[in-house]
Protein backbone atom coordinates (compact mmCIF):
# COMPACT_ATOMS: atom_id res chain seq x y z
CA MET A 1 227.96 -114.39 -63.19
CA ARG A 2 224.83 -112.27 -63.66
CA LEU A 3 222.07 -112.35 -61.11
CA SER A 4 218.56 -112.13 -62.37
CA PHE A 5 216.20 -109.48 -60.93
CA PRO A 6 213.64 -112.05 -59.52
CA LEU A 7 216.47 -113.85 -57.69
CA VAL A 8 217.73 -110.57 -56.12
CA ALA A 9 214.24 -109.40 -55.31
CA GLY A 10 213.48 -112.73 -53.64
CA ALA A 11 216.66 -112.64 -51.61
CA VAL A 12 215.94 -109.08 -50.46
CA LEU A 13 212.42 -110.05 -49.48
CA ILE A 14 213.54 -113.05 -47.48
CA GLY A 15 216.25 -110.83 -45.80
CA VAL A 16 213.77 -108.23 -44.80
CA ILE A 17 211.28 -110.76 -43.43
CA SER A 18 213.85 -112.75 -41.46
CA GLY A 19 215.58 -109.58 -40.21
CA ASN A 20 212.26 -108.24 -38.96
CA ALA A 21 211.51 -111.54 -37.22
CA ILE A 22 214.91 -111.62 -35.57
CA PHE A 23 215.45 -107.99 -34.68
CA GLY A 24 211.91 -106.62 -34.56
CA PRO A 25 210.96 -107.25 -30.90
CA PRO A 26 214.22 -106.02 -29.38
CA LEU A 27 214.18 -102.93 -31.51
CA GLN A 28 210.51 -102.15 -30.59
CA LYS A 29 211.44 -102.53 -26.90
CA TYR A 30 214.42 -100.26 -27.36
CA TRP A 31 212.55 -97.50 -29.09
CA ALA A 32 209.71 -97.68 -26.61
CA GLU A 33 212.15 -97.18 -23.72
CA LYS A 34 213.94 -94.37 -25.62
CA GLN A 35 210.64 -92.56 -26.24
CA GLN A 36 209.78 -92.83 -22.55
CA GLN A 37 213.13 -91.32 -21.62
CA GLN A 38 212.62 -88.43 -24.06
CA GLU A 39 209.15 -87.71 -22.73
CA ALA A 40 210.45 -87.79 -19.16
CA ALA A 41 213.19 -85.36 -20.14
CA LYS A 42 210.69 -83.08 -21.76
CA GLU A 43 208.47 -83.13 -18.64
CA GLY A 44 211.54 -82.37 -16.50
CA GLN A 45 212.52 -79.42 -18.64
CA THR A 46 209.03 -77.91 -18.65
CA GLY A 47 208.71 -78.36 -14.91
CA THR A 48 211.92 -76.53 -14.01
CA THR A 49 211.44 -73.46 -16.20
């Protein structure tokens, strides 16, 4: 069975949109916390040297 390009493109688009809707907010929260930890670590390193 051959899949047509518009069918595959539509499926990819739906997957990206639904994945962003499902996983977007938790990932944004995770990366915000991760960035805060890295900034705190940088401040700790510059303060001790």
